[in-house]
All heavy atoms as atom14 arrays in JSON, in Angstrom:
{
  "sequence": "HEYRLFSQGGADFLLTGNLNPWDHAAGALIAREAGGYVKMLDGEA",
  "atom14_mask": [
    [1, 1, 1, 1, 1, 1, 1, 1, 1, 1, 0, 0, 0, 0],
    [1, 1, 1, 1, 1, 1, 1, 1, 1, 0, 0, 0, 0, 0],
    [1, 1, 1, 1, 1, 1, 1, 1, 1, 1, 1, 1, 0, 0],
    [1, 1, 1, 1, 1, 1, 1, 1, 1, 1, 1, 0, 0, 0],
    [1, 1, 1, 1, 1, 1, 1, 1, 0, 0, 0, 0, 0, 0],
    [1, 1, 1, 1, 1, 1, 1, 1, 1, 1, 1, 0, 0, 0],
    [1, 1, 1, 1, 1, 1, 0, 0, 0, 0, 0, 0, 0, 0],
    [1, 1, 1, 1, 1, 1, 1, 1, 1, 0, 0, 0, 0, 0],
    [1, 1, 1, 1, 0, 0, 0, 0, 0, 0, 0, 0, 0, 0],
    [1, 1, 1, 1, 0, 0, 0, 0, 0, 0, 0, 0, 0, 0],
    [1, 1, 1, 1, 1, 0, 0, 0, 0, 0, 0, 0, 0, 0],
    [1, 1, 1, 1, 1, 1, 1, 1, 0, 0, 0, 0, 0, 0],
    [1, 1, 1, 1, 1, 1, 1, 1, 1, 1, 1, 0, 0, 0],
    [1, 1, 1, 1, 1, 1, 1, 1, 0, 0, 0, 0, 0, 0],
    [1, 1, 1, 1, 1, 1, 1, 1, 0, 0, 0, 0, 0, 0],
    [1, 1, 1, 1, 1, 1, 1, 0, 0, 0, 0, 0, 0, 0],
    [1, 1, 1, 1, 0, 0, 0, 0, 0, 0, 0, 0, 0, 0],
    [1, 1, 1, 1, 1, 1, 1, 1, 0, 0, 0, 0, 0, 0],
    [1, 1, 1, 1, 1, 1, 1, 1, 0, 0, 0, 0, 0, 0],
    [1, 1, 1, 1, 1, 1, 1, 1, 0, 0, 0, 0, 0, 0],
    [1, 1, 1, 1, 1, 1, 1, 0, 0, 0, 0, 0, 0, 0],
    [1, 1, 1, 1, 1, 1, 1, 1, 1, 1, 1, 1, 1, 1],
    [1, 1, 1, 1, 1, 1, 1, 1, 0, 0, 0, 0, 0, 0],
    [1, 1, 1, 1, 1, 1, 1, 1, 1, 1, 0, 0, 0, 0],
    [1, 1, 1, 1, 1, 0, 0, 0, 0, 0, 0, 0, 0, 0],
    [1, 1, 1, 1, 1, 0, 0, 0, 0, 0, 0, 0, 0, 0],
    [1, 1, 1, 1, 0, 0, 0, 0, 0, 0, 0, 0, 0, 0],
    [1, 1, 1, 1, 1, 0, 0, 0, 0, 0, 0, 0, 0, 0],
    [1, 1, 1, 1, 1, 1, 1, 1, 0, 0, 0, 0, 0, 0],
    [1, 1, 1, 1, 1, 1, 1, 1, 0, 0, 0, 0, 0, 0],
    [1, 1, 1, 1, 1, 0, 0, 0, 0, 0, 0, 0, 0, 0],
    [1, 1, 1, 1, 1, 1, 1, 1, 1, 1, 1, 0, 0, 0],
    [1, 1, 1, 1, 1, 1, 1, 1, 1, 0, 0, 0, 0, 0],
    [1, 1, 1, 1, 1, 0, 0, 0, 0, 0, 0, 0, 0, 0],
    [1, 1, 1, 1, 0, 0, 0, 0, 0, 0, 0, 0, 0, 0],
    [1, 1, 1, 1, 0, 0, 0, 0, 0, 0, 0, 0, 0, 0],
    [1, 1, 1, 1, 1, 1, 1, 1, 1, 1, 1, 1, 0, 0],
    [1, 1, 1, 1, 1, 1, 1, 0, 0, 0, 0, 0, 0, 0],
    [1, 1, 1, 1, 1, 1, 1, 1, 1, 0, 0, 0, 0, 0],
    [1, 1, 1, 1, 1, 1, 1, 1, 0, 0, 0, 0, 0, 0],
    [1, 1, 1, 1, 1, 1, 1, 1, 0, 0, 0, 0, 0, 0],
    [1, 1, 1, 1, 1, 1, 1, 1, 0, 0, 0, 0, 0, 0],
    [1, 1, 1, 1, 0, 0, 0, 0, 0, 0, 0, 0, 0, 0],
    [1, 1, 1, 1, 1, 1, 1, 1, 1, 0, 0, 0, 0, 0],
    [1, 1, 1, 1, 1, 0, 0, 0, 0, 0, 0, 0, 0, 0]
  ],
  "atom14_positions": [
    [[-154.46, 77.49, -22.59], [-155.56, 77.75, -23.52], [-156.9, 77.87, -22.81], [-157.8, 78.58, -23.3], [-155.59, 76.69, -24.61], [-154.6, 76.95, -25.69], [-154.83, 77.84, -26.71], [-153.35, 76.47, -25.89], [-153.78, 77.9, -27.51], [-152.86, 77.07, -27.03], [0.0, 0.0, 0.0], [0.0, 0.0, 0.0], [0.0, 0.0, 0.0], [0.0, 0.0, 0.0]],
    [[-157.06, 77.25, -21.66], [-158.3, 77.43, -20.92], [-158.41, 78.85, -20.38], [-159.47, 79.48, -20.47], [-158.39, 76.4, -19.79], [-158.61, 75.0, -20.33], [-158.65, 73.92, -19.27], [-158.41, 74.22, -18.08], [-158.92, 72.76, -19.63], [0.0, 0.0, 0.0], [0.0, 0.0, 0.0], [0.0, 0.0, 0.0], [0.0, 0.0, 0.0], [0.0, 0.0, 0.0]],
    [[-157.31, 79.39, -19.85], [-157.33, 80.78, -19.41], [-157.48, 81.74, -20.59], [-158.13, 82.78, -20.48], [-156.05, 81.11, -18.63], [-156.09, 80.7, -17.18], [-155.28, 79.67, -16.71], [-156.92, 81.35, -16.27], [-155.3, 79.29, -15.38], [-156.95, 80.98, -14.93], [-156.13, 79.95, -14.49], [-156.16, 79.59, -13.16], [0.0, 0.0, 0.0], [0.0, 0.0, 0.0]],
    [[-156.87, 81.41, -21.72], [-157.05, 82.24, -22.92], [-158.52, 82.28, -23.32], [-159.06, 83.33, -23.66], [-156.18, 81.7, -24.07], [-154.71, 82.1, -23.99], [-153.88, 81.41, -25.06], [-154.34, 81.72, -26.4], [-153.66, 82.43, -27.3], [-152.47, 82.95, -27.0], [-154.15, 82.64, -28.51], [0.0, 0.0, 0.0], [0.0, 0.0, 0.0], [0.0, 0.0, 0.0]],
    [[-159.16, 81.11, -23.31], [-160.58, 81.05, -23.65], [-161.41, 81.92, -22.7], [-162.25, 82.71, -23.14], [-161.07, 79.61, -23.58], [-161.02, 78.76, -24.84], [-161.49, 77.35, -24.53], [-161.87, 79.36, -25.95], [0.0, 0.0, 0.0], [0.0, 0.0, 0.0], [0.0, 0.0, 0.0], [0.0, 0.0, 0.0], [0.0, 0.0, 0.0], [0.0, 0.0, 0.0]],
    [[-161.21, 81.73, -21.4], [-162.0, 82.48, -20.43], [-161.82, 83.98, -20.63], [-162.81, 84.74, -20.63], [-161.61, 82.1, -19.0], [-162.34, 82.91, -17.97], [-163.59, 82.51, -17.52], [-161.81, 84.1, -17.49], [-164.29, 83.29, -16.59], [-162.5, 84.88, -16.57], [-163.74, 84.47, -16.12], [0.0, 0.0, 0.0], [0.0, 0.0, 0.0], [0.0, 0.0, 0.0]],
    [[-160.59, 84.43, -20.79], [-160.32, 85.86, -20.86], [-160.82, 86.51, -22.14], [-160.91, 87.73, -22.24], [-158.82, 86.12, -20.71], [-158.09, 85.63, -21.82], [0.0, 0.0, 0.0], [0.0, 0.0, 0.0], [0.0, 0.0, 0.0], [0.0, 0.0, 0.0], [0.0, 0.0, 0.0], [0.0, 0.0, 0.0], [0.0, 0.0, 0.0], [0.0, 0.0, 0.0]],
    [[-161.19, 85.68, -23.14], [-161.73, 86.21, -24.38], [-163.2, 85.86, -24.56], [-163.74, 85.96, -25.67], [-160.91, 85.69, -25.57], [-159.46, 86.15, -25.53], [-158.66, 85.61, -26.69], [-158.57, 86.23, -27.76], [-158.06, 84.44, -26.51], [0.0, 0.0, 0.0], [0.0, 0.0, 0.0], [0.0, 0.0, 0.0], [0.0, 0.0, 0.0], [0.0, 0.0, 0.0]],
    [[-163.86, 85.45, -23.48], [-165.29, 85.2, -23.54], [-165.68, 83.84, -24.08], [-166.84, 83.63, -24.44], [0.0, 0.0, 0.0], [0.0, 0.0, 0.0], [0.0, 0.0, 0.0], [0.0, 0.0, 0.0], [0.0, 0.0, 0.0], [0.0, 0.0, 0.0], [0.0, 0.0, 0.0], [0.0, 0.0, 0.0], [0.0, 0.0, 0.0], [0.0, 0.0, 0.0]],
    [[-164.75, 82.89, -24.11], [-165.06, 81.57, -24.65], [-165.46, 80.53, -23.62], [-165.75, 79.39, -23.98], [0.0, 0.0, 0.0], [0.0, 0.0, 0.0], [0.0, 0.0, 0.0], [0.0, 0.0, 0.0], [0.0, 0.0, 0.0], [0.0, 0.0, 0.0], [0.0, 0.0, 0.0], [0.0, 0.0, 0.0], [0.0, 0.0, 0.0], [0.0, 0.0, 0.0]],
    [[-165.45, 80.9, -22.36], [-165.85, 79.99, -21.29], [-166.41, 80.81, -20.14], [-166.06, 81.98, -19.96], [-164.66, 79.15, -20.81], [0.0, 0.0, 0.0], [0.0, 0.0, 0.0], [0.0, 0.0, 0.0], [0.0, 0.0, 0.0], [0.0, 0.0, 0.0], [0.0, 0.0, 0.0], [0.0, 0.0, 0.0], [0.0, 0.0, 0.0], [0.0, 0.0, 0.0]],
    [[-167.29, 80.18, -19.35], [-167.93, 80.89, -18.24], [-167.2, 80.7, -16.92], [-167.28, 81.56, -16.05], [-169.37, 80.4, -18.08], [-170.2, 80.71, -19.31], [-170.52, 81.89, -19.53], [-170.51, 79.76, -20.06], [0.0, 0.0, 0.0], [0.0, 0.0, 0.0], [0.0, 0.0, 0.0], [0.0, 0.0, 0.0], [0.0, 0.0, 0.0], [0.0, 0.0, 0.0]],
    [[-166.53, 79.56, -16.76], [-165.79, 79.38, -15.51], [-164.69, 78.35, -15.68], [-164.71, 77.52, -16.6], [-166.73, 78.96, -14.36], [-167.29, 77.56, -14.46], [-166.64, 76.49, -13.85], [-168.48, 77.32, -15.14], [-167.16, 75.2, -13.94], [-169.01, 76.05, -15.22], [-168.35, 74.98, -14.61], [0.0, 0.0, 0.0], [0.0, 0.0, 0.0], [0.0, 0.0, 0.0]],
    [[-163.72, 78.42, -14.77], [-162.62, 77.47, -14.7], [-162.51, 77.0, -13.26], [-162.6, 77.8, -12.32], [-161.29, 78.12, -15.11], [-161.22, 78.85, -16.45], [-159.84, 79.47, -16.62], [-161.53, 77.91, -17.6], [0.0, 0.0, 0.0], [0.0, 0.0, 0.0], [0.0, 0.0, 0.0], [0.0, 0.0, 0.0], [0.0, 0.0, 0.0], [0.0, 0.0, 0.0]],
    [[-162.3, 75.71, -13.08], [-162.05, 75.14, -11.76], [-160.73, 74.38, -11.82], [-160.55, 73.51, -12.68], [-163.18, 74.18, -11.37], [-162.99, 73.43, -10.05], [-163.08, 74.4, -8.86], [-164.02, 72.32, -9.91], [0.0, 0.0, 0.0], [0.0, 0.0, 0.0], [0.0, 0.0, 0.0], [0.0, 0.0, 0.0], [0.0, 0.0, 0.0], [0.0, 0.0, 0.0]],
    [[-159.81, 74.71, -10.93], [-158.5, 74.06, -10.98], [-158.46, 72.85, -10.06], [-159.15, 72.78, -9.05], [-157.37, 75.02, -10.57], [-157.41, 75.21, -9.14], [-157.53, 76.37, -11.26], [0.0, 0.0, 0.0], [0.0, 0.0, 0.0], [0.0, 0.0, 0.0], [0.0, 0.0, 0.0], [0.0, 0.0, 0.0], [0.0, 0.0, 0.0], [0.0, 0.0, 0.0]],
    [[-157.6, 71.89, -10.42], [-157.39, 70.71, -9.6], [-156.09, 70.75, -8.85], [-155.82, 69.89, -8.01], [0.0, 0.0, 0.0], [0.0, 0.0, 0.0], [0.0, 0.0, 0.0], [0.0, 0.0, 0.0], [0.0, 0.0, 0.0], [0.0, 0.0, 0.0], [0.0, 0.0, 0.0], [0.0, 0.0, 0.0], [0.0, 0.0, 0.0], [0.0, 0.0, 0.0]],
    [[-155.24, 71.73, -9.15], [-154.0, 71.93, -8.4], [-153.68, 73.42, -8.4], [-154.38, 74.22, -9.01], [-152.85, 71.12, -9.01], [-152.5, 71.56, -10.43], [-152.59, 72.74, -10.78], [-152.08, 70.62, -11.26], [0.0, 0.0, 0.0], [0.0, 0.0, 0.0], [0.0, 0.0, 0.0], [0.0, 0.0, 0.0], [0.0, 0.0, 0.0], [0.0, 0.0, 0.0]],
    [[-152.62, 73.79, -7.72], [-152.23, 75.2, -7.66], [-150.79, 75.4, -8.1], [-150.12, 76.31, -7.61], [-152.42, 75.74, -6.23], [-153.84, 76.03, -5.78], [-153.83, 76.69, -4.41], [-154.58, 76.93, -6.77], [0.0, 0.0, 0.0], [0.0, 0.0, 0.0], [0.0, 0.0, 0.0], [0.0, 0.0, 0.0], [0.0, 0.0, 0.0], [0.0, 0.0, 0.0]],
    [[-150.31, 74.57, -9.01], [-148.96, 74.8, -9.51], [-148.84, 76.23, -10.02], [-149.62, 76.64, -10.89], [-148.64, 73.83, -10.65], [-148.55, 72.4, -10.2], [-148.17, 72.13, -9.06], [-148.9, 71.47, -11.07], [0.0, 0.0, 0.0], [0.0, 0.0, 0.0], [0.0, 0.0, 0.0], [0.0, 0.0, 0.0], [0.0, 0.0, 0.0], [0.0, 0.0, 0.0]],
    [[-147.9, 77.01, -9.52], [-147.84, 78.42, -9.92], [-147.56, 78.61, -11.41], [-148.0, 79.6, -11.99], [-146.72, 79.0, -9.05], [-145.89, 77.82, -8.66], [-146.85, 76.68, -8.53], [0.0, 0.0, 0.0], [0.0, 0.0, 0.0], [0.0, 0.0, 0.0], [0.0, 0.0, 0.0], [0.0, 0.0, 0.0], [0.0, 0.0, 0.0], [0.0, 0.0, 0.0]],
    [[-146.85, 77.67, -12.03], [-146.59, 77.8, -13.46], [-147.86, 77.61, -14.28], [-147.96, 78.08, -15.4], [-145.51, 76.82, -13.92], [-145.66, 75.44, -13.38], [-146.44, 74.43, -13.87], [-145.0, 74.92, -12.22], [-146.33, 73.31, -13.09], [-145.44, 73.57, -12.08], [-144.09, 75.42, -11.3], [-144.99, 72.74, -11.04], [-143.65, 74.6, -10.28], [-144.09, 73.29, -10.15]],
    [[-148.87, 76.96, -13.72], [-150.14, 76.79, -14.41], [-151.09, 77.97, -14.19], [-151.89, 78.28, -15.08], [-150.86, 75.52, -13.93], [-150.2, 74.24, -14.41], [-149.66, 74.24, -15.52], [-150.22, 73.25, -13.66], [0.0, 0.0, 0.0], [0.0, 0.0, 0.0], [0.0, 0.0, 0.0], [0.0, 0.0, 0.0], [0.0, 0.0, 0.0], [0.0, 0.0, 0.0]],
    [[-151.03, 78.6, -13.01], [-152.11, 79.5, -12.62], [-151.73, 80.94, -12.26], [-152.62, 81.8, -12.24], [-152.89, 78.87, -11.46], [-153.4, 77.5, -11.76], [-154.32, 77.26, -12.76], [-153.07, 76.29, -11.23], [-154.56, 75.95, -12.82], [-153.82, 75.35, -11.92], [0.0, 0.0, 0.0], [0.0, 0.0, 0.0], [0.0, 0.0, 0.0], [0.0, 0.0, 0.0]],
    [[-150.48, 81.21, -11.97], [-150.12, 82.58, -11.56], [-150.43, 83.59, -12.65], [-151.03, 84.64, -12.4], [-148.65, 82.65, -11.17], [0.0, 0.0, 0.0], [0.0, 0.0, 0.0], [0.0, 0.0, 0.0], [0.0, 0.0, 0.0], [0.0, 0.0, 0.0], [0.0, 0.0, 0.0], [0.0, 0.0, 0.0], [0.0, 0.0, 0.0], [0.0, 0.0, 0.0]],
    [[-150.03, 83.29, -13.88], [-150.3, 84.2, -14.99], [-151.79, 84.22, -15.33], [-152.39, 85.29, -15.51], [-149.5, 83.79, -16.22], [0.0, 0.0, 0.0], [0.0, 0.0, 0.0], [0.0, 0.0, 0.0], [0.0, 0.0, 0.0], [0.0, 0.0, 0.0], [0.0, 0.0, 0.0], [0.0, 0.0, 0.0], [0.0, 0.0, 0.0], [0.0, 0.0, 0.0]],
    [[-152.41, 83.04, -15.41], [-153.81, 82.95, -15.82], [-154.75, 83.64, -14.86], [-155.73, 84.28, -15.27], [0.0, 0.0, 0.0], [0.0, 0.0, 0.0], [0.0, 0.0, 0.0], [0.0, 0.0, 0.0], [0.0, 0.0, 0.0], [0.0, 0.0, 0.0], [0.0, 0.0, 0.0], [0.0, 0.0, 0.0], [0.0, 0.0, 0.0], [0.0, 0.0, 0.0]],
    [[-154.48, 83.52, -13.55], [-155.35, 84.16, -12.57], [-155.33, 85.67, -12.73], [-156.37, 86.33, -12.66], [-154.91, 83.77, -11.16], [0.0, 0.0, 0.0], [0.0, 0.0, 0.0], [0.0, 0.0, 0.0], [0.0, 0.0, 0.0], [0.0, 0.0, 0.0], [0.0, 0.0, 0.0], [0.0, 0.0, 0.0], [0.0, 0.0, 0.0], [0.0, 0.0, 0.0]],
    [[-154.14, 86.24, -12.95], [-154.05, 87.68, -13.18], [-154.78, 88.07, -14.47], [-155.55, 89.04, -14.5], [-152.59, 88.12, -13.27], [-152.36, 89.58, -13.69], [-152.83, 90.54, -12.59], [-150.9, 89.83, -14.04], [0.0, 0.0, 0.0], [0.0, 0.0, 0.0], [0.0, 0.0, 0.0], [0.0, 0.0, 0.0], [0.0, 0.0, 0.0], [0.0, 0.0, 0.0]],
    [[-154.55, 87.32, -15.53], [-155.16, 87.63, -16.82], [-156.68, 87.54, -16.75], [-157.39, 88.39, -17.28], [-154.58, 86.68, -17.9], [-153.16, 87.15, -18.26], [-155.47, 86.62, -19.14], [-152.37, 86.15, -19.08], [0.0, 0.0, 0.0], [0.0, 0.0, 0.0], [0.0, 0.0, 0.0], [0.0, 0.0, 0.0], [0.0, 0.0, 0.0], [0.0, 0.0, 0.0]],
    [[-157.19, 86.52, -16.06], [-158.64, 86.38, -15.9], [-159.22, 87.56, -15.11], [-160.27, 88.1, -15.47], [-158.97, 85.06, -15.2], [0.0, 0.0, 0.0], [0.0, 0.0, 0.0], [0.0, 0.0, 0.0], [0.0, 0.0, 0.0], [0.0, 0.0, 0.0], [0.0, 0.0, 0.0], [0.0, 0.0, 0.0], [0.0, 0.0, 0.0], [0.0, 0.0, 0.0]],
    [[-158.54, 87.95, -14.05], [-159.03, 89.06, -13.24], [-158.98, 90.37, -14.02], [-159.93, 91.17, -13.97], [-158.19, 89.18, -11.96], [-158.73, 90.2, -10.96], [-158.07, 90.08, -9.61], [-156.63, 90.31, -9.67], [-155.72, 89.38, -9.42], [-156.08, 88.15, -9.13], [-154.43, 89.68, -9.49], [0.0, 0.0, 0.0], [0.0, 0.0, 0.0], [0.0, 0.0, 0.0]],
    [[-157.92, 90.6, -14.75], [-157.8, 91.84, -15.52], [-158.76, 91.87, -16.69], [-159.09, 92.94, -17.22], [-156.36, 92.02, -16.0], [-155.36, 92.32, -14.89], [-155.57, 93.67, -14.25], [-156.13, 94.58, -14.9], [-155.22, 93.83, -13.06], [0.0, 0.0, 0.0], [0.0, 0.0, 0.0], [0.0, 0.0, 0.0], [0.0, 0.0, 0.0], [0.0, 0.0, 0.0]],
    [[-159.26, 90.69, -17.09], [-160.29, 90.63, -18.15], [-161.68, 90.85, -17.59], [-162.66, 90.78, -18.32], [-160.22, 89.28, -18.85], [0.0, 0.0, 0.0], [0.0, 0.0, 0.0], [0.0, 0.0, 0.0], [0.0, 0.0, 0.0], [0.0, 0.0, 0.0], [0.0, 0.0, 0.0], [0.0, 0.0, 0.0], [0.0, 0.0, 0.0], [0.0, 0.0, 0.0]],
    [[-161.76, 91.12, -16.29], [-163.05, 91.38, -15.66], [-163.58, 90.25, -14.82], [-164.66, 90.37, -14.22], [0.0, 0.0, 0.0], [0.0, 0.0, 0.0], [0.0, 0.0, 0.0], [0.0, 0.0, 0.0], [0.0, 0.0, 0.0], [0.0, 0.0, 0.0], [0.0, 0.0, 0.0], [0.0, 0.0, 0.0], [0.0, 0.0, 0.0], [0.0, 0.0, 0.0]],
    [[-162.86, 89.14, -14.76], [-163.33, 87.98, -14.03], [-163.19, 88.11, -12.53], [-162.47, 88.98, -12.01], [0.0, 0.0, 0.0], [0.0, 0.0, 0.0], [0.0, 0.0, 0.0], [0.0, 0.0, 0.0], [0.0, 0.0, 0.0], [0.0, 0.0, 0.0], [0.0, 0.0, 0.0], [0.0, 0.0, 0.0], [0.0, 0.0, 0.0], [0.0, 0.0, 0.0]],
    [[-163.89, 87.23, -11.83], [-163.84, 87.16, -10.37], [-163.06, 85.9, -10.02], [-163.44, 84.79, -10.41], [-165.25, 87.1, -9.8], [-165.32, 87.3, -8.3], [-165.26, 88.57, -7.74], [-165.46, 86.21, -7.45], [-165.35, 88.76, -6.36], [-165.55, 86.39, -6.08], [-165.49, 87.67, -5.54], [-165.57, 87.85, -4.17], [0.0, 0.0, 0.0], [0.0, 0.0, 0.0]],
    [[-161.95, 86.07, -9.31], [-160.99, 84.99, -9.1], [-160.77, 84.8, -7.6], [-160.22, 85.67, -6.93], [-159.65, 85.32, -9.79], [-158.64, 84.2, -9.58], [-159.85, 85.59, -11.28], [0.0, 0.0, 0.0], [0.0, 0.0, 0.0], [0.0, 0.0, 0.0], [0.0, 0.0, 0.0], [0.0, 0.0, 0.0], [0.0, 0.0, 0.0], [0.0, 0.0, 0.0]],
    [[-161.21, 83.66, -7.09], [-161.04, 83.35, -5.67], [-160.78, 81.85, -5.5], [-161.2, 81.03, -6.33], [-162.29, 83.71, -4.87], [-162.58, 85.2, -4.75], [-161.75, 85.84, -3.66], [-162.16, 87.28, -3.43], [-161.35, 87.91, -2.37], [0.0, 0.0, 0.0], [0.0, 0.0, 0.0], [0.0, 0.0, 0.0], [0.0, 0.0, 0.0], [0.0, 0.0, 0.0]],
    [[-160.13, 81.52, -4.4], [-160.05, 80.12, -4.03], [-161.47, 79.61, -3.75], [-162.35, 80.38, -3.38], [-159.17, 79.93, -2.81], [-157.72, 80.36, -3.02], [-156.91, 79.35, -4.28], [-156.91, 77.75, -3.48], [0.0, 0.0, 0.0], [0.0, 0.0, 0.0], [0.0, 0.0, 0.0], [0.0, 0.0, 0.0], [0.0, 0.0, 0.0], [0.0, 0.0, 0.0]],
    [[-161.68, 78.32, -3.92], [-163.01, 77.75, -3.75], [-163.53, 77.96, -2.32], [-164.75, 77.98, -2.1], [-162.99, 76.26, -4.1], [-164.33, 75.55, -4.32], [-165.19, 76.28, -5.33], [-164.09, 74.11, -4.78], [0.0, 0.0, 0.0], [0.0, 0.0, 0.0], [0.0, 0.0, 0.0], [0.0, 0.0, 0.0], [0.0, 0.0, 0.0], [0.0, 0.0, 0.0]],
    [[-162.62, 78.13, -1.37], [-163.05, 78.4, 0.0], [-163.29, 79.88, 0.25], [-163.6, 80.29, 1.38], [-162.03, 77.87, 1.02], [-160.66, 78.52, 0.89], [-160.51, 79.5, 0.13], [-159.72, 78.04, 1.57], [0.0, 0.0, 0.0], [0.0, 0.0, 0.0], [0.0, 0.0, 0.0], [0.0, 0.0, 0.0], [0.0, 0.0, 0.0], [0.0, 0.0, 0.0]],
    [[-163.17, 80.71, -0.78], [-163.45, 82.14, -0.66], [-162.24, 82.99, -0.37], [-162.34, 84.22, -0.39], [0.0, 0.0, 0.0], [0.0, 0.0, 0.0], [0.0, 0.0, 0.0], [0.0, 0.0, 0.0], [0.0, 0.0, 0.0], [0.0, 0.0, 0.0], [0.0, 0.0, 0.0], [0.0, 0.0, 0.0], [0.0, 0.0, 0.0], [0.0, 0.0, 0.0]],
    [[-161.09, 82.37, -0.12], [-159.89, 83.13, 0.17], [-159.27, 83.67, -1.11], [-159.53, 83.18, -2.21], [-158.87, 82.26, 0.92], [-159.34, 81.81, 2.29], [-159.58, 82.98, 3.23], [-158.71, 83.86, 3.3], [-160.65, 83.01, 3.89], [0.0, 0.0, 0.0], [0.0, 0.0, 0.0], [0.0, 0.0, 0.0], [0.0, 0.0, 0.0], [0.0, 0.0, 0.0]],
    [[-158.43, 84.69, -0.97], [-157.75, 85.27, -2.13], [-156.69, 84.3, -2.65], [-156.05, 83.57, -1.89], [-157.1, 86.6, -1.73], [0.0, 0.0, 0.0], [0.0, 0.0, 0.0], [0.0, 0.0, 0.0], [0.0, 0.0, 0.0], [0.0, 0.0, 0.0], [0.0, 0.0, 0.0], [0.0, 0.0, 0.0], [0.0, 0.0, 0.0], [0.0, 0.0, 0.0]]
  ]
}
């Protein structure tokens, strides 16, 4: 629901505390395709 919010304009940013792929693989793509900028906090892809 946090990624759903972001991708529909309901939030300005998301910061993750882990990288479990079941939590973030889909959301990262959806956020990027919604126009968002998605990078690791260290700047890596």
